[in-house]
N, C-alpha and C. Protein backbone atom coordinates (compact mmCIF):
# COMPACT_ATOMS: atom_id res chain seq x y z
N ARG A 1 93.10 20.53 97.80
CA ARG A 1 92.18 21.46 98.35
C ARG A 1 91.46 22.29 97.34
N ARG A 2 90.37 22.73 97.64
CA ARG A 2 89.53 23.50 96.71
C ARG A 2 89.53 24.93 97.18
N PRO A 3 89.49 25.84 96.16
CA PRO A 3 89.37 27.19 96.66
C PRO A 3 87.97 27.48 97.37
N ALA A 4 88.07 28.49 98.20
CA ALA A 4 86.90 28.81 98.98
C ALA A 4 85.84 29.46 98.06
N PRO A 5 84.60 29.12 98.22
CA PRO A 5 83.59 29.78 97.36
C PRO A 5 83.51 31.29 97.69
N PRO A 6 83.20 32.04 96.69
CA PRO A 6 83.12 33.48 96.88
C PRO A 6 82.02 33.82 97.87
N ILE A 7 82.26 34.83 98.68
CA ILE A 7 81.26 35.30 99.62
C ILE A 7 80.19 36.13 98.86
N PRO A 8 78.95 35.69 99.01
CA PRO A 8 77.92 36.49 98.21
C PRO A 8 77.78 37.83 98.87
N ALA A 9 77.60 38.87 98.00
CA ALA A 9 77.39 40.21 98.39
C ALA A 9 76.00 40.25 99.16
N PRO A 10 75.98 41.00 100.27
CA PRO A 10 74.71 41.09 100.89
C PRO A 10 73.71 41.80 100.03
N ALA A 11 72.49 41.41 100.19
CA ALA A 11 71.42 42.06 99.38
C ALA A 11 71.25 43.51 99.84
N SER A 12 71.19 44.39 98.90
CA SER A 12 70.98 45.79 99.25
C SER A 12 69.62 46.02 99.79
N PRO A 13 69.49 46.83 100.79
CA PRO A 13 68.18 47.12 101.29
C PRO A 13 67.47 47.91 100.15
N PRO A 14 66.15 47.86 100.06
CA PRO A 14 65.44 48.60 99.10
C PRO A 14 65.77 50.06 99.15
N GLY A 15 66.08 50.78 97.98
CA GLY A 15 66.22 52.22 97.93
C GLY A 15 67.63 52.69 98.30
N LEU A 16 68.52 51.80 98.66
CA LEU A 16 69.86 52.19 99.05
C LEU A 16 70.58 52.92 97.94
N LEU A 17 70.44 52.31 96.78
CA LEU A 17 71.19 52.97 95.63
C LEU A 17 70.60 54.36 95.34
N ASP A 18 69.30 54.52 95.42
CA ASP A 18 68.73 55.80 95.19
C ASP A 18 69.17 56.83 96.28
N ASP A 19 69.25 56.25 97.59
CA ASP A 19 69.73 57.12 98.66
C ASP A 19 71.14 57.57 98.45
N LEU A 20 71.94 56.63 97.98
CA LEU A 20 73.40 56.98 97.68
C LEU A 20 73.45 58.06 96.58
N ARG A 21 72.66 57.87 95.53
CA ARG A 21 72.72 58.84 94.43
C ARG A 21 72.26 60.19 94.94
N ALA A 22 71.15 60.21 95.71
CA ALA A 22 70.70 61.50 96.29
C ALA A 22 71.71 62.16 97.15
N GLU A 23 72.48 61.36 97.91
CA GLU A 23 73.44 61.87 98.81
C GLU A 23 74.57 62.41 97.97
N MET A 24 74.97 61.78 96.95
CA MET A 24 76.00 62.26 96.00
C MET A 24 75.58 63.64 95.40
N GLU A 25 74.36 63.77 94.95
CA GLU A 25 73.86 65.05 94.40
C GLU A 25 73.88 66.19 95.44
N ARG A 26 73.40 65.77 96.71
CA ARG A 26 73.46 66.83 97.79
C ARG A 26 74.92 67.30 98.05
N PHE A 27 75.79 66.32 98.14
CA PHE A 27 77.22 66.64 98.39
C PHE A 27 77.81 67.52 97.22
N LYS A 28 77.42 67.17 96.06
CA LYS A 28 77.90 67.95 94.83
C LYS A 28 77.37 69.41 94.95
N ARG A 29 76.06 69.54 95.33
CA ARG A 29 75.47 70.84 95.46
C ARG A 29 76.15 71.68 96.68
N GLU A 30 76.36 70.96 97.70
CA GLU A 30 77.08 71.59 98.79
C GLU A 30 78.48 72.04 98.43
N LYS A 31 79.16 71.20 97.72
CA LYS A 31 80.53 71.60 97.31
C LYS A 31 80.47 72.71 96.29
N ASP A 32 79.47 72.67 95.37
CA ASP A 32 79.31 73.78 94.51
C ASP A 32 79.02 75.10 95.21
N ALA A 33 78.23 75.00 96.27
CA ALA A 33 77.89 76.11 97.09
C ALA A 33 79.10 76.64 97.78
N GLN A 34 79.98 75.73 98.29
CA GLN A 34 81.15 76.17 98.95
C GLN A 34 82.12 76.81 98.02
N VAL A 35 82.25 76.24 96.79
CA VAL A 35 83.14 76.75 95.78
C VAL A 35 82.63 78.14 95.39
N LEU A 36 81.31 78.28 95.20
CA LEU A 36 80.68 79.62 94.87
C LEU A 36 80.91 80.59 95.94
N ALA A 37 80.80 80.19 97.17
CA ALA A 37 81.06 81.11 98.31
C ALA A 37 82.55 81.57 98.29
N LEU A 38 83.40 80.66 98.00
CA LEU A 38 84.83 80.97 97.93
C LEU A 38 85.07 81.94 96.80
N LEU A 39 84.44 81.72 95.68
CA LEU A 39 84.56 82.58 94.49
C LEU A 39 84.08 83.96 94.84
N HIS A 40 82.93 84.11 95.50
CA HIS A 40 82.36 85.35 95.90
C HIS A 40 83.36 86.06 96.81
N LYS A 41 83.90 85.28 97.80
CA LYS A 41 84.85 85.92 98.77
C LYS A 41 86.09 86.36 98.02
N ALA A 42 86.61 85.59 97.11
CA ALA A 42 87.79 86.03 96.34
C ALA A 42 87.47 87.26 95.48
N ALA A 43 86.23 87.33 94.87
CA ALA A 43 85.87 88.51 94.13
C ALA A 43 85.79 89.76 95.07
N GLY A 44 85.28 89.56 96.26
CA GLY A 44 85.26 90.61 97.19
C GLY A 44 86.65 91.10 97.57
N VAL A 45 87.48 90.23 97.75
CA VAL A 45 88.87 90.61 98.13
C VAL A 45 89.54 91.34 96.99
N TYR A 46 89.31 90.83 95.71
CA TYR A 46 89.81 91.49 94.52
C TYR A 46 89.26 92.87 94.36
N GLU A 47 87.95 93.03 94.53
CA GLU A 47 87.30 94.29 94.36
C GLU A 47 87.86 95.28 95.44
N ALA A 48 87.98 94.84 96.68
CA ALA A 48 88.58 95.70 97.67
C ALA A 48 89.96 96.10 97.34
N ALA A 49 90.79 95.18 96.80
CA ALA A 49 92.07 95.54 96.39
C ALA A 49 92.10 96.54 95.21
N GLU A 50 91.17 96.40 94.27
CA GLU A 50 91.07 97.32 93.17
C GLU A 50 90.65 98.72 93.71
N GLU A 51 89.68 98.74 94.67
CA GLU A 51 89.31 99.99 95.26
C GLU A 51 90.52 100.71 96.03
N ARG A 52 91.23 99.88 96.68
CA ARG A 52 92.45 100.45 97.41
C ARG A 52 93.42 101.02 96.37
N GLU A 53 93.61 100.26 95.32
CA GLU A 53 94.58 100.71 94.29
C GLU A 53 94.05 101.97 93.55
N ALA A 54 92.75 102.06 93.32
CA ALA A 54 92.14 103.29 92.75
C ALA A 54 92.34 104.47 93.74
N ALA A 55 92.06 104.17 94.96
CA ALA A 55 92.29 105.26 95.96
C ALA A 55 93.75 105.68 96.06
N ARG A 56 94.64 104.70 95.95
CA ARG A 56 96.05 105.07 95.99
C ARG A 56 96.50 105.89 94.70
N ARG A 57 95.93 105.45 93.59
CA ARG A 57 96.19 106.24 92.40
C ARG A 57 95.68 107.67 92.42
N ALA A 58 94.40 107.76 92.97
CA ALA A 58 93.81 109.12 93.16
C ALA A 58 94.59 109.95 94.14
N GLU A 59 95.09 109.32 95.21
CA GLU A 59 95.98 110.08 96.17
C GLU A 59 97.21 110.48 95.56
N LYS A 60 97.81 109.64 94.71
CA LYS A 60 99.05 109.93 94.08
C LYS A 60 98.87 111.11 93.06
N ARG A 61 97.68 111.08 92.30
CA ARG A 61 97.40 112.20 91.41
C ARG A 61 97.29 113.44 92.22
N GLN A 62 96.60 113.43 93.32
CA GLN A 62 96.36 114.61 94.14
C GLN A 62 97.70 115.15 94.60
N MET A 63 98.60 114.21 95.06
CA MET A 63 99.91 114.62 95.53
C MET A 63 100.71 115.27 94.36
N GLY A 64 100.58 114.67 93.21
CA GLY A 64 101.30 115.29 92.12
C GLY A 64 100.78 116.74 91.76
N LYS A 65 99.49 116.89 91.90
CA LYS A 65 98.93 118.21 91.70
C LYS A 65 99.47 119.27 92.79
N GLU A 66 99.46 118.71 94.01
CA GLU A 66 99.95 119.49 95.13
C GLU A 66 101.47 119.88 94.85
N LEU A 67 102.22 118.88 94.46
CA LEU A 67 103.60 119.14 94.17
C LEU A 67 103.76 120.15 93.14
N ALA A 68 102.99 119.99 92.03
CA ALA A 68 103.08 121.02 90.93
C ALA A 68 102.73 122.41 91.47
N ARG A 69 101.73 122.52 92.34
CA ARG A 69 101.35 123.81 92.86
C ARG A 69 102.48 124.37 93.75
N LEU A 70 103.06 123.47 94.60
CA LEU A 70 104.15 123.93 95.44
C LEU A 70 105.40 124.34 94.65
N GLU A 71 105.70 123.58 93.53
CA GLU A 71 106.81 123.93 92.71
C GLU A 71 106.56 125.31 92.00
N GLU A 72 105.28 125.58 91.57
CA GLU A 72 104.97 126.85 91.01
C GLU A 72 105.11 128.01 92.03
N GLU A 73 104.58 127.71 93.28
CA GLU A 73 104.69 128.64 94.36
C GLU A 73 106.12 128.99 94.65
N SER A 74 106.95 127.87 94.70
CA SER A 74 108.36 128.04 94.95
C SER A 74 109.00 128.86 93.91
N CYS A 75 108.60 128.64 92.67
CA CYS A 75 109.19 129.41 91.55
C CYS A 75 108.77 130.85 91.71
N ASN A 76 107.50 131.09 92.03
CA ASN A 76 107.07 132.49 92.22
C ASN A 76 107.82 133.16 93.34
N TYR A 77 108.09 132.45 94.42
CA TYR A 77 108.82 132.98 95.52
C TYR A 77 110.30 133.23 95.08
N GLY A 78 110.76 132.38 94.31
CA GLY A 78 112.13 132.56 93.80
C GLY A 78 112.21 133.81 92.94
N LYS A 79 111.27 134.02 92.07
CA LYS A 79 111.25 135.18 91.21
C LYS A 79 111.14 136.48 92.09
N ALA A 80 110.24 136.43 93.09
CA ALA A 80 109.99 137.53 93.93
C ALA A 80 111.32 137.79 94.69
N LEU A 81 111.96 136.75 95.20
CA LEU A 81 113.24 136.93 95.88
C LEU A 81 114.35 137.60 94.95
N LYS A 82 114.39 137.03 93.76
CA LYS A 82 115.35 137.53 92.80
C LYS A 82 115.09 139.01 92.53
N SER A 83 113.79 139.43 92.34
CA SER A 83 113.40 140.79 92.11
C SER A 83 113.80 141.64 93.36
N CYS A 84 113.62 141.13 94.64
CA CYS A 84 114.02 141.91 95.78
C CYS A 84 115.47 142.07 95.81
N VAL A 85 116.22 140.98 95.48
CA VAL A 85 117.69 141.18 95.49
C VAL A 85 118.15 142.18 94.47
N GLU A 86 117.55 142.15 93.29
CA GLU A 86 117.88 143.17 92.30
C GLU A 86 117.59 144.56 92.72
N MET A 87 116.37 144.70 93.39
CA MET A 87 116.03 146.05 93.84
C MET A 87 117.06 146.42 94.94
N GLY A 88 117.37 145.56 95.80
CA GLY A 88 118.37 145.80 96.85
C GLY A 88 119.67 146.27 96.25
N GLU A 89 120.12 145.49 95.20
CA GLU A 89 121.34 145.89 94.59
C GLU A 89 121.30 147.29 93.93
N GLN A 90 120.10 147.55 93.26
CA GLN A 90 119.99 148.86 92.74
C GLN A 90 119.95 150.00 93.79
N GLN A 91 119.30 149.67 94.89
CA GLN A 91 119.31 150.62 95.99
C GLN A 91 120.74 150.83 96.58
N GLU A 92 121.46 149.72 96.72
CA GLU A 92 122.84 149.88 97.21
C GLU A 92 123.61 150.69 96.21
N GLU A 93 123.46 150.51 94.92
CA GLU A 93 124.16 151.29 93.97
C GLU A 93 123.81 152.74 94.04
N GLU A 94 122.52 152.99 94.22
CA GLU A 94 122.02 154.34 94.34
C GLU A 94 122.60 155.04 95.64
N ILE A 95 122.65 154.23 96.73
CA ILE A 95 123.25 154.75 97.96
C ILE A 95 124.70 155.12 97.79
N ARG A 96 125.48 154.18 97.03
CA ARG A 96 126.90 154.50 96.78
C ARG A 96 127.00 155.78 95.97
N ARG A 97 126.14 155.94 94.93
CA ARG A 97 126.18 157.04 94.14
C ARG A 97 125.95 158.37 94.93
N LEU A 98 124.89 158.24 95.80
CA LEU A 98 124.55 159.45 96.65
C LEU A 98 125.63 159.70 97.60
N GLN A 99 126.28 158.67 98.21
CA GLN A 99 127.36 158.87 99.13
C GLN A 99 128.54 159.56 98.37
N SER A 100 128.73 159.15 97.14
CA SER A 100 129.81 159.71 96.38
C SER A 100 129.52 161.22 96.07
N GLU A 101 128.28 161.49 95.75
CA GLU A 101 127.84 162.88 95.50
C GLU A 101 128.02 163.71 96.77
N LEU A 102 127.56 163.10 97.97
CA LEU A 102 127.66 163.81 99.15
C LEU A 102 129.16 164.08 99.58
N GLU A 103 130.01 163.10 99.37
CA GLU A 103 131.45 163.30 99.59
C GLU A 103 131.99 164.45 98.74
N ALA A 104 131.63 164.37 97.42
CA ALA A 104 132.15 165.46 96.54
C ALA A 104 131.55 166.79 96.96
N ALA A 105 130.30 166.86 97.37
CA ALA A 105 129.71 168.12 97.82
C ALA A 105 130.37 168.56 99.08
N THR A 106 130.60 167.73 99.97
CA THR A 106 131.23 167.99 101.28
C THR A 106 132.70 168.56 100.99
N LYS A 107 133.43 167.91 100.09
CA LYS A 107 134.75 168.42 99.77
C LYS A 107 134.67 169.79 99.21
N GLU A 108 133.71 170.00 98.33
CA GLU A 108 133.55 171.29 97.67
C GLU A 108 133.20 172.35 98.70
N LEU A 109 132.33 171.98 99.68
CA LEU A 109 131.90 172.85 100.76
C LEU A 109 133.13 173.17 101.64
N VAL A 110 133.90 172.18 102.02
CA VAL A 110 135.02 172.39 102.84
C VAL A 110 136.06 173.29 102.06
N ALA A 111 136.22 173.04 100.79
CA ALA A 111 137.16 173.84 99.98
C ALA A 111 136.66 175.31 100.00
N ARG A 112 135.42 175.61 99.76
CA ARG A 112 134.83 176.92 99.79
C ARG A 112 134.93 177.56 101.14
N ALA A 113 134.70 176.73 102.12
CA ALA A 113 134.84 177.26 103.49
C ALA A 113 136.33 177.78 103.71
N HIS A 114 137.25 176.97 103.24
CA HIS A 114 138.64 177.38 103.43
C HIS A 114 138.94 178.64 102.65
N GLU A 115 138.34 178.70 101.42
CA GLU A 115 138.46 179.89 100.55
C GLU A 115 137.89 181.09 101.29
N GLY A 116 136.73 180.87 101.87
CA GLY A 116 136.08 182.01 102.59
C GLY A 116 136.89 182.42 103.78
N GLN A 117 137.53 181.45 104.51
CA GLN A 117 138.38 181.82 105.66
C GLN A 117 139.61 182.63 105.14
N GLU A 118 140.18 182.14 103.99
CA GLU A 118 141.32 182.92 103.45
C GLU A 118 140.91 184.24 103.03
N LEU A 119 139.76 184.47 102.43
CA LEU A 119 139.33 185.81 101.99
C LEU A 119 139.15 186.69 103.26
N ARG A 120 138.58 186.13 104.27
CA ARG A 120 138.30 186.94 105.47
C ARG A 120 139.65 187.33 106.16
N ALA A 121 140.55 186.38 106.12
CA ALA A 121 141.91 186.64 106.69
C ALA A 121 142.55 187.78 105.86
N ARG A 122 142.45 187.71 104.52
CA ARG A 122 143.10 188.67 103.66
C ARG A 122 142.43 190.03 103.92
N LEU A 123 141.07 190.06 104.02
CA LEU A 123 140.35 191.31 104.24
C LEU A 123 140.70 191.91 105.57
N ARG A 124 141.06 191.13 106.56
CA ARG A 124 141.50 191.70 107.87
C ARG A 124 142.83 192.31 107.79
N ASP A 125 143.62 191.76 106.99
CA ASP A 125 144.96 192.23 106.83
C ASP A 125 145.04 193.49 106.18
């Protein structure tokens, strides 16, 4: 037996190769456009993420400033409270001193009143 003769390739219609090349270029341009669109989309997502991050950092800085202000305010309140406590302690000390003086004066007054009563009793006798 003999091998079968090769099947001849059909004759290309005129311009088919040019049409195929043109189609390949169009496909390449479309793919390039799709890739470019994807890159633009990715860049937009990245920019939005950067903006969110910048906003988060700005908010964090603002919160830090607010915290520092609150800490300073708290410290000032603490100092004022300490001053009030000290004044209260001084006033308590002054009250104790005055009470002591009042007790001493009262004892002296009672003692003089007794002396006066004794003198009156002696004068009557």
